[in-house]
C-alpha cells in the first residue's frame, strides 16, 4: 500500500472521490494519496475482492473508503458504482477515470478484432461511460474535478499497439470536449499521460525488456505510480483552479527525445 507524507495537507476534507482501476498501480496510489489528504474514497475495480481489501487498508490507516466492483466497459455497472458512491459516501466531488488494459501486440492489419474491441471498450468506452455518470452528479452538486488517465501513447505511437494508441488519443479528445461542455457548470476536466510506469501492466515484461524501456527515458528509469498520483491530485485540487481541458505528460522526458 503506497503511503503519503504524514504532513500532507488535508485539502480534500469533506469531498468524495471515485477512482476506477483503484485496486492496483496508479489507481491504488491515487486512492492512498486522496485518502491521506482527507477525501472519502470509492475504490472501484473489476476485482471486487481487491477493491474491498484496499478500502479496508485505507480505513485501517485512518481514512474513509469503500470498495466497489465495476466493469467500466458496462455502462450499467458504472452507473451502479457511481450511485453507490453517492449513496454511501454522501456525494461525488472528484473522479479519476483510470481503469485500463494493455491489449494484444500485432501489426494493424493483423490486429485481432476481439482484442481491438476489448481494448476500446475498456480504455475509451470506459472513460465515456464514467464521464456520462459522473458529470451530471457533479453538475447537480455545483461542480467538481475529473482527471482522465490517458498515456504517453496519447501523444506518440508504438508499433503493434494500434488499439491502445487509438484509445488513449481518444481519451484526450473526450477530456477536451467534456471540459468545454462543463466548465460553465463548475467542473474541471483534465488528463494525464503517464509514460512507462512500474505497474502491474508491465509485470509480464522480462528484465531485459524493462531495462530497454528504462533506457528510452532521459532519466534512465521508469516512473512510479506515486509520481503520477501527485500530479493527478494536484489537478483535482483547488490549486489547479484555472487548469481546464489540458493534458499533462508524466513521462520522464520520453517525448522530449
C-alpha atoms as a PDB file:
ATOM      1  CA  UNK A   1       0.000   0.000   0.000  1.00  0.00           C
ATOM      2  CA  UNK A   2       1.551   3.348  -1.020  1.00  0.00           C
ATOM      3  CA  UNK A   3       1.976   5.855   1.752  1.00  0.00           C
ATOM      4  CA  UNK A   4       1.722   9.629   1.848  1.00  0.00           C
ATOM      5  CA  UNK A   5       3.889  12.007   3.889  1.00  0.00           C
ATOM      6  CA  UNK A   6       2.488  12.441   7.400  1.00  0.00           C
ATOM      7  CA  UNK A   7       2.397  16.213   6.878  1.00  0.00           C
ATOM      8  CA  UNK A   8       0.322  16.014   3.682  1.00  0.00           C
ATOM      9  CA  UNK A   9      -2.289  18.786   3.582  1.00  0.00           C
ATOM     10  CA  UNK A  10      -5.901  17.800   4.254  1.00  0.00           C
ATOM     11  CA  UNK A  11      -7.011  19.661   1.136  1.00  0.00           C
ATOM     12  CA  UNK A  12      -9.765  17.196   0.255  1.00  0.00           C
ATOM     13  CA  UNK A  13     -11.603  17.200   3.581  1.00  0.00           C
ATOM     14  CA  UNK A  14     -15.347  16.949   3.009  1.00  0.00           C
ATOM     15  CA  UNK A  15     -15.011  15.668  -0.565  1.00  0.00           C
ATOM     16  CA  UNK A  16     -15.760  12.294  -2.071  1.00  0.00           C
ATOM     17  CA  UNK A  17     -13.640  10.713  -4.798  1.00  0.00           C
ATOM     18  CA  UNK A  18     -14.466   7.901  -7.234  1.00  0.00           C
ATOM     19  CA  UNK A  19     -11.423   6.106  -8.700  1.00  0.00           C
ATOM     20  CA  UNK A  20     -11.697   3.384 -11.344  1.00  0.00           C
ATOM     21  CA  UNK A  21      -8.945   0.804 -11.504  1.00  0.00           C
ATOM     22  CA  UNK A  22      -8.337   1.797  -7.902  1.00  0.00           C
ATOM     23  CA  UNK A  23      -7.078  -1.525  -6.568  1.00  0.00           C
ATOM     24  CA  UNK A  24      -3.622  -1.536  -8.176  1.00  0.00           C
ATOM     25  CA  UNK A  25      -0.928   0.532  -9.846  1.00  0.00           C
ATOM     26  CA  UNK A  26      -1.629   4.211 -10.433  1.00  0.00           C
ATOM     27  CA  UNK A  27      -5.202   3.898  -9.197  1.00  0.00           C
ATOM     28  CA  UNK A  28      -4.063   2.459  -5.878  1.00  0.00           C
ATOM     29  CA  UNK A  29      -1.520   5.250  -5.415  1.00  0.00           C
ATOM     30  CA  UNK A  30      -4.203   7.844  -6.165  1.00  0.00           C
ATOM     31  CA  UNK A  31      -6.616   6.297  -3.663  1.00  0.00           C
ATOM     32  CA  UNK A  32      -3.947   6.284  -0.957  1.00  0.00           C
ATOM     33  CA  UNK A  33      -2.971   9.911  -1.570  1.00  0.00           C
ATOM     34  CA  UNK A  34      -6.564  11.138  -1.725  1.00  0.00           C
ATOM     35  CA  UNK A  35      -7.444   9.341   1.499  1.00  0.00           C
ATOM     36  CA  UNK A  36      -4.353  10.712   3.240  1.00  0.00           C
ATOM     37  CA  UNK A  37      -5.399  14.209   2.203  1.00  0.00           C
ATOM     38  CA  UNK A  38      -8.898  13.893   3.600  1.00  0.00           C
ATOM     39  CA  UNK A  39     -11.111  12.579   0.804  1.00  0.00           C
ATOM     40  CA  UNK A  40     -13.639   9.806   1.273  1.00  0.00           C
ATOM     41  CA  UNK A  41     -12.656   7.372  -1.465  1.00  0.00           C
ATOM     42  CA  UNK A  42     -14.661   4.890  -3.502  1.00  0.00           C
ATOM     43  CA  UNK A  43     -12.130   2.306  -4.707  1.00  0.00           C
ATOM     44  CA  UNK A  44     -13.766   0.932  -7.863  1.00  0.00           C
ATOM     45  CA  UNK A  45     -12.210  -2.025  -9.649  1.00  0.00           C
ATOM     46  CA  UNK A  46     -13.165  -5.022 -11.773  1.00  0.00           C
ATOM     47  CA  UNK A  47     -11.550  -7.104  -8.997  1.00  0.00           C
ATOM     48  CA  UNK A  48     -14.139  -6.654  -6.234  1.00  0.00           C
ATOM     49  CA  UNK A  49     -12.098  -8.500  -3.611  1.00  0.00           C
ATOM     50  CA  UNK A  50      -9.015  -6.361  -4.256  1.00  0.00           C
ATOM     51  CA  UNK A  51     -11.120  -3.176  -4.155  1.00  0.00           C
ATOM     52  CA  UNK A  52     -12.567  -4.097  -0.776  1.00  0.00           C
ATOM     53  CA  UNK A  53      -9.143  -5.057   0.553  1.00  0.00           C
ATOM     54  CA  UNK A  54      -7.693  -1.689  -0.489  1.00  0.00           C
ATOM     55  CA  UNK A  55     -10.636   0.142   1.071  1.00  0.00           C
ATOM     56  CA  UNK A  56     -10.089  -1.816   4.272  1.00  0.00           C
ATOM     57  CA  UNK A  57      -6.417  -0.832   4.373  1.00  0.00           C
ATOM     58  CA  UNK A  58      -7.242   2.825   3.782  1.00  0.00           C
ATOM     59  CA  UNK A  59      -9.803   2.719   6.581  1.00  0.00           C
ATOM     60  CA  UNK A  60      -7.333   0.997   8.910  1.00  0.00           C
ATOM     61  CA  UNK A  61      -4.888   3.826   8.183  1.00  0.00           C
ATOM     62  CA  UNK A  62      -7.435   6.383   9.363  1.00  0.00           C
ATOM     63  CA  UNK A  63      -9.161   7.192   6.085  1.00  0.00           C
ATOM     64  CA  UNK A  64     -12.713   6.761   4.838  1.00  0.00           C
ATOM     65  CA  UNK A  65     -13.137   4.346   1.949  1.00  0.00           C
ATOM     66  CA  UNK A  66     -15.401   1.783   0.364  1.00  0.00           C
ATOM     67  CA  UNK A  67     -14.641  -0.893  -2.203  1.00  0.00           C
ATOM     68  CA  UNK A  68     -16.876  -1.299  -5.235  1.00  0.00           C
ATOM     69  CA  UNK A  69     -16.991  -3.753  -8.116  1.00  0.00           C
ATOM     70  CA  UNK A  70     -17.118  -2.074 -11.527  1.00  0.00           C
ATOM     71  CA  UNK A  71     -16.645  -3.137 -15.120  1.00  0.00           C
ATOM     72  CA  UNK A  72     -16.116   0.157 -16.923  1.00  0.00           C
ATOM     73  CA  UNK A  73     -16.942  -1.482 -20.263  1.00  0.00           C
ATOM     74  CA  UNK A  74     -20.501  -1.994 -18.959  1.00  0.00           C
ATOM     75  CA  UNK A  75     -22.429   1.300 -18.652  1.00  0.00           C
ATOM     76  CA  UNK A  76     -24.898  -0.200 -16.167  1.00  0.00           C
ATOM     77  CA  UNK A  77     -22.056  -1.355 -13.917  1.00  0.00           C
ATOM     78  CA  UNK A  78     -20.598   2.144 -13.945  1.00  0.00           C
ATOM     79  CA  UNK A  79     -23.975   3.715 -13.182  1.00  0.00           C
ATOM     80  CA  UNK A  80     -24.479   1.398 -10.207  1.00  0.00           C
ATOM     81  CA  UNK A  81     -20.983   2.130  -8.854  1.00  0.00           C
ATOM     82  CA  UNK A  82     -21.415   5.900  -9.085  1.00  0.00           C
ATOM     83  CA  UNK A  83     -24.852   5.694  -7.464  1.00  0.00           C
ATOM     84  CA  UNK A  84     -23.404   3.554  -4.660  1.00  0.00           C
ATOM     85  CA  UNK A  85     -20.666   6.121  -4.126  1.00  0.00           C
ATOM     86  CA  UNK A  86     -23.169   8.948  -3.761  1.00  0.00           C
ATOM     87  CA  UNK A  87     -25.459   6.905  -1.510  1.00  0.00           C
ATOM     88  CA  UNK A  88     -22.779   5.554   0.800  1.00  0.00           C
ATOM     89  CA  UNK A  89     -20.331   8.471   0.896  1.00  0.00           C
ATOM     90  CA  UNK A  90     -22.725  11.381   0.514  1.00  0.00           C
ATOM     91  CA  UNK A  91     -21.832  12.836  -2.874  1.00  0.00           C
ATOM     92  CA  UNK A  92     -19.304  12.971  -5.665  1.00  0.00           C
ATOM     93  CA  UNK A  93     -16.803  15.800  -5.998  1.00  0.00           C
ATOM     94  CA  UNK A  94     -13.709  14.181  -7.546  1.00  0.00           C
ATOM     95  CA  UNK A  95     -13.259  11.437 -10.129  1.00  0.00           C
ATOM     96  CA  UNK A  96     -10.250   9.665 -11.606  1.00  0.00           C
ATOM     97  CA  UNK A  97     -11.021   7.540 -14.654  1.00  0.00           C
ATOM     98  CA  UNK A  98      -8.004   5.291 -14.596  1.00  0.00           C
ATOM     99  CA  UNK A  99      -9.093   1.732 -15.459  1.00  0.00           C
ATOM    100  CA  UNK A 100      -7.291   0.351 -18.484  1.00  0.00           C
ATOM    101  CA  UNK A 101      -5.773  -2.696 -20.147  1.00  0.00           C
ATOM    102  CA  UNK A 102      -2.808  -3.121 -22.479  1.00  0.00           C
ATOM    103  CA  UNK A 103      -4.178  -5.422 -25.214  1.00  0.00           C
ATOM    104  CA  UNK A 104      -2.539  -7.504 -27.905  1.00  0.00           C
ATOM    105  CA  UNK A 105       0.609  -6.543 -29.801  1.00  0.00           C
ATOM    106  CA  UNK A 106       0.290  -7.026 -33.570  1.00  0.00           C
ATOM    107  CA  UNK A 107       0.540  -5.085 -36.851  1.00  0.00           C
ATOM    108  CA  UNK A 108      -2.643  -3.148 -37.563  1.00  0.00           C
ATOM    109  CA  UNK A 109      -3.784  -5.354 -40.460  1.00  0.00           C
ATOM    110  CA  UNK A 110      -3.319  -8.439 -38.285  1.00  0.00           C
ATOM    111  CA  UNK A 111      -4.710  -6.989 -35.063  1.00  0.00           C
ATOM    112  CA  UNK A 112      -7.283  -9.441 -33.642  1.00  0.00           C
ATOM    113  CA  UNK A 113     -10.742  -7.908 -33.885  1.00  0.00           C
ATOM    114  CA  UNK A 114     -11.795  -9.224 -30.470  1.00  0.00           C
ATOM    115  CA  UNK A 115      -8.741  -7.605 -28.849  1.00  0.00           C
ATOM    116  CA  UNK A 116      -9.425  -4.312 -30.645  1.00  0.00           C
ATOM    117  CA  UNK A 117     -12.978  -4.234 -29.347  1.00  0.00           C
ATOM    118  CA  UNK A 118     -11.965  -5.173 -25.797  1.00  0.00           C
ATOM    119  CA  UNK A 119      -9.243  -2.511 -25.583  1.00  0.00           C
ATOM    120  CA  UNK A 120     -11.566   0.152 -26.940  1.00  0.00           C
ATOM    121  CA  UNK A 121     -14.387  -0.995 -24.637  1.00  0.00           C
ATOM    122  CA  UNK A 122     -12.253  -0.610 -21.519  1.00  0.00           C
ATOM    123  CA  UNK A 123      -9.824   2.187 -22.354  1.00  0.00           C
ATOM    124  CA  UNK A 124     -12.077   4.541 -24.330  1.00  0.00           C
ATOM    125  CA  UNK A 125     -15.689   3.492 -23.849  1.00  0.00           C
ATOM    126  CA  UNK A 126     -14.941   3.042 -20.146  1.00  0.00           C
ATOM    127  CA  UNK A 127     -13.948   6.689 -19.798  1.00  0.00           C
ATOM    128  CA  UNK A 128     -17.034   7.738 -21.777  1.00  0.00           C
ATOM    129  CA  UNK A 129     -19.348   5.655 -19.583  1.00  0.00           C
ATOM    130  CA  UNK A 130     -17.705   7.034 -16.445  1.00  0.00           C
ATOM    131  CA  UNK A 131     -17.973  10.657 -17.540  1.00  0.00           C
ATOM    132  CA  UNK A 132     -21.625  10.192 -18.512  1.00  0.00           C
ATOM    133  CA  UNK A 133     -22.408   9.128 -14.939  1.00  0.00           C
ATOM    134  CA  UNK A 134     -20.038  11.445 -13.052  1.00  0.00           C
ATOM    135  CA  UNK A 135     -20.688  14.768 -14.776  1.00  0.00           C
ATOM    136  CA  UNK A 136     -24.452  15.052 -14.092  1.00  0.00           C
ATOM    137  CA  UNK A 137     -23.923  14.266 -10.392  1.00  0.00           C
ATOM    138  CA  UNK A 138     -21.164  16.860 -10.091  1.00  0.00           C
ATOM    139  CA  UNK A 139     -23.194  19.412 -12.023  1.00  0.00           C
ATOM    140  CA  UNK A 140     -26.187  18.965  -9.717  1.00  0.00           C
ATOM    141  CA  UNK A 141     -23.907  19.480  -6.717  1.00  0.00           C
ATOM    142  CA  UNK A 142     -22.419  22.686  -8.101  1.00  0.00           C
ATOM    143  CA  UNK A 143     -19.134  21.458  -9.515  1.00  0.00           C
ATOM    144  CA  UNK A 144     -16.199  19.104  -9.211  1.00  0.00           C
ATOM    145  CA  UNK A 145     -12.988  17.932 -10.842  1.00  0.00           C
ATOM    146  CA  UNK A 146     -12.176  14.969 -13.074  1.00  0.00           C
ATOM    147  CA  UNK A 147      -8.859  13.540 -14.239  1.00  0.00           C
ATOM    148  CA  UNK A 148      -8.795  11.006 -17.060  1.00  0.00           C
ATOM    149  CA  UNK A 149      -5.734   8.788 -17.218  1.00  0.00           C
ATOM    150  CA  UNK A 150      -4.583   8.619 -20.838  1.00  0.00           C
ATOM    151  CA  UNK A 151      -0.980   7.703 -21.650  1.00  0.00           C
ATOM    152  CA  UNK A 152       2.144   8.968 -23.308  1.00  0.00           C
ATOM    153  CA  UNK A 153       0.675   6.950 -26.188  1.00  0.00           C
ATOM    154  CA  UNK A 154      -1.957   9.639 -26.448  1.00  0.00           C
ATOM    155  CA  UNK A 155       0.818  11.808 -27.912  1.00  0.00           C
ATOM    156  CA  UNK A 156       3.025   9.368 -29.796  1.00  0.00           C
ATOM    157  CA  UNK A 157       2.579   5.804 -31.058  1.00  0.00           C
ATOM    158  CA  UNK A 158       4.212   2.422 -30.799  1.00  0.00           C
ATOM    159  CA  UNK A 159       4.330  -0.337 -33.395  1.00  0.00           C
ATOM    160  CA  UNK A 160       1.890  -3.122 -32.678  1.00  0.00           C
ATOM    161  CA  UNK A 161      -0.275  -1.096 -30.336  1.00  0.00           C
ATOM    162  CA  UNK A 162      -2.932   0.344 -32.642  1.00  0.00           C
ATOM    163  CA  UNK A 163      -5.862  -0.273 -30.286  1.00  0.00           C
ATOM    164  CA  UNK A 164      -4.144   1.095 -27.195  1.00  0.00           C
ATOM    165  CA  UNK A 165      -2.759   4.130 -29.034  1.00  0.00           C
ATOM    166  CA  UNK A 166      -6.096   4.928 -30.678  1.00  0.00           C
ATOM    167  CA  UNK A 167      -7.970   4.581 -27.402  1.00  0.00           C
ATOM    168  CA  UNK A 168      -5.592   6.840 -25.493  1.00  0.00           C
ATOM    169  CA  UNK A 169      -5.704   9.506 -28.216  1.00  0.00           C
ATOM    170  CA  UNK A 170      -9.470   9.277 -27.889  1.00  0.00           C
ATOM    171  CA  UNK A 171      -9.348   9.821 -24.132  1.00  0.00           C
ATOM    172  CA  UNK A 172      -7.642  13.157 -24.727  1.00  0.00           C
ATOM    173  CA  UNK A 173     -10.368  14.154 -27.173  1.00  0.00           C
ATOM    174  CA  UNK A 174     -13.075  13.222 -24.658  1.00  0.00           C
ATOM    175  CA  UNK A 175     -11.275  15.219 -21.998  1.00  0.00           C
ATOM    176  CA  UNK A 176     -11.171  18.382 -24.076  1.00  0.00           C
ATOM    177  CA  UNK A 177     -14.795  18.055 -25.163  1.00  0.00           C
ATOM    178  CA  UNK A 178     -16.061  17.473 -21.623  1.00  0.00           C
ATOM    179  CA  UNK A 179     -14.016  20.430 -20.380  1.00  0.00           C
ATOM    180  CA  UNK A 180     -15.608  22.740 -22.926  1.00  0.00           C
ATOM    181  CA  UNK A 181     -19.111  21.495 -22.221  1.00  0.00           C
ATOM    182  CA  UNK A 182     -18.994  21.526 -18.415  1.00  0.00           C
ATOM    183  CA  UNK A 183     -16.689  24.404 -17.472  1.00  0.00           C
ATOM    184  CA  UNK A 184     -19.693  26.712 -17.062  1.00  0.00           C
ATOM    185  CA  UNK A 185     -21.111  24.238 -14.534  1.00  0.00           C
ATOM    186  CA  UNK A 186     -18.088  24.454 -12.284  1.00  0.00           C
ATOM    187  CA  UNK A 187     -16.490  21.197 -13.401  1.00  0.00           C
ATOM    188  CA  UNK A 188     -12.856  20.932 -14.451  1.00  0.00           C
ATOM    189  CA  UNK A 189     -11.817  18.012 -16.666  1.00  0.00           C
ATOM    190  CA  UNK A 190      -8.150  17.300 -17.391  1.00  0.00           C
ATOM    191  CA  UNK A 191      -5.985  14.354 -18.402  1.00  0.00           C
ATOM    192  CA  UNK A 192      -2.571  12.946 -17.587  1.00  0.00           C
ATOM    193  CA  UNK A 193      -0.295  10.961 -19.886  1.00  0.00           C
ATOM    194  CA  UNK A 194       1.921   8.607 -17.883  1.00  0.00           C
ATOM    195  CA  UNK A 195       4.981   7.226 -19.593  1.00  0.00           C
ATOM    196  CA  UNK A 196       6.263   3.782 -18.707  1.00  0.00           C
ATOM    197  CA  UNK A 197       5.376   3.332 -15.056  1.00  0.00           C
ATOM    198  CA  UNK A 198       6.187   0.485 -12.664  1.00  0.00           C
ATOM    199  CA  UNK A 199       2.669  -1.004 -12.561  1.00  0.00           C
ATOM    200  CA  UNK A 200       1.149  -4.487 -12.915  1.00  0.00           C
ATOM    201  CA  UNK A 201       0.678  -3.805 -16.649  1.00  0.00           C
ATOM    202  CA  UNK A 202       4.459  -4.145 -17.068  1.00  0.00           C
ATOM    203  CA  UNK A 203       4.869  -7.259 -14.926  1.00  0.00           C
ATOM    204  CA  UNK A 204       4.887  -9.539 -17.964  1.00  0.00           C
ATOM    205  CA  UNK A 205       7.887  -7.699 -19.468  1.00  0.00           C
ATOM    206  CA  UNK A 206      11.148  -9.526 -18.741  1.00  0.00           C
ATOM    207  CA  UNK A 207      14.193  -7.920 -17.152  1.00  0.00           C
ATOM    208  CA  UNK A 208      15.879  -7.233 -20.490  1.00  0.00           C
ATOM    209  CA  UNK A 209      12.747  -5.592 -21.836  1.00  0.00           C
ATOM    210  CA  UNK A 210      12.328  -3.478 -18.719  1.00  0.00           C
ATOM    211  CA  UNK A 211      15.914  -2.285 -18.981  1.00  0.00           C
ATOM    212  CA  UNK A 212      15.314  -1.340 -22.616  1.00  0.00           C
ATOM    213  CA  UNK A 213      12.203   0.624 -21.647  1.00  0.00           C
ATOM    214  CA  UNK A 214      14.051   2.450 -18.897  1.00  0.00           C
ATOM    215  CA  UNK A 215      16.792   3.421 -21.354  1.00  0.00           C
ATOM    216  CA  UNK A 216      14.233   5.220 -23.524  1.00  0.00           C
ATOM    217  CA  UNK A 217      13.832   7.835 -20.801  1.00  0.00           C
ATOM    218  CA  UNK A 218      16.434  10.590 -20.336  1.00  0.00           C
ATOM    219  CA  UNK A 219      16.326   9.892 -16.584  1.00  0.00           C
ATOM    220  CA  UNK A 220      17.296   6.284 -17.275  1.00  0.00           C
ATOM    221  CA  UNK A 221      14.410   4.808 -15.311  1.00  0.00           C
ATOM    222  CA  UNK A 222      10.693   4.196 -15.395  1.00  0.00           C
ATOM    223  CA  UNK A 223       8.341   6.220 -13.242  1.00  0.00           C
ATOM    224  CA  UNK A 224       6.426   5.237 -10.133  1.00  0.00           C
ATOM    225  CA  UNK A 225       2.705   5.223  -9.511  1.00  0.00           C
ATOM    226  CA  UNK A 226       3.212   7.675  -6.676  1.00  0.00           C
ATOM    227  CA  UNK A 227       4.786  10.214  -9.043  1.00  0.00           C
ATOM    228  CA  UNK A 228       1.738  10.058 -11.280  1.00  0.00           C
ATOM    229  CA  UNK A 229      -0.626  10.234  -8.300  1.00  0.00           C
ATOM    230  CA  UNK A 230       0.931  13.521  -7.217  1.00  0.00           C
ATOM    231  CA  UNK A 231       0.044  15.349 -10.426  1.00  0.00           C
ATOM    232  CA  UNK A 232      -3.408  13.765 -10.523  1.00  0.00           C
ATOM    233  CA  UNK A 233      -4.149  15.009  -7.022  1.00  0.00           C
ATOM    234  CA  UNK A 234      -2.815  18.446  -7.910  1.00  0.00           C
ATOM    235  CA  UNK A 235      -5.198  18.607 -10.874  1.00  0.00           C
ATOM    236  CA  UNK A 236      -8.082  17.574  -8.622  1.00  0.00           C
ATOM    237  CA  UNK A 237      -7.224  20.234  -6.064  1.00  0.00           C
ATOM    238  CA  UNK A 238      -8.227  23.876  -5.804  1.00  0.00           C
ATOM    239  CA  UNK A 239      -4.586  24.721  -6.500  1.00  0.00           C
ATOM    240  CA  UNK A 240      -5.324  23.868 -10.139  1.00  0.00           C
ATOM    241  CA  UNK A 241      -8.429  26.068 -10.277  1.00  0.00           C
ATOM    242  CA  UNK A 242      -7.549  27.573 -13.693  1.00  0.00           C
ATOM    243  CA  UNK A 243      -6.374  24.322 -15.281  1.00  0.00           C
ATOM    244  CA  UNK A 244      -9.074  23.145 -17.667  1.00  0.00           C
ATOM    245  CA  UNK A 245      -9.173  20.791 -20.661  1.00  0.00           C
ATOM    246  CA  UNK A 246      -5.436  20.148 -20.550  1.00  0.00           C
ATOM    247  CA  UNK A 247      -3.236  17.084 -20.949  1.00  0.00           C
ATOM    248  CA  UNK A 248      -0.190  16.686 -18.716  1.00  0.00           C
ATOM    249  CA  UNK A 249       2.616  14.290 -19.593  1.00  0.00           C
ATOM    250  CA  UNK A 250       4.318  12.413 -16.756  1.00  0.00           C
ATOM    251  CA  UNK A 251       6.888  10.623 -18.870  1.00  0.00           C
ATOM    252  CA  UNK A 252      10.384  11.358 -17.570  1.00  0.00           C
ATOM    253  CA  UNK A 253      11.233  13.108 -20.823  1.00  0.00           C
ATOM    254  CA  UNK A 254      10.188  10.194 -23.071  1.00  0.00           C
ATOM    255  CA  UNK A 255       8.558  12.507 -25.623  1.00  0.00           C
ATOM    256  CA  UNK A 256      11.370  15.073 -25.423  1.00  0.00           C
ATOM    257  CA  UNK A 257      13.709  12.813 -27.384  1.00  0.00           C
END
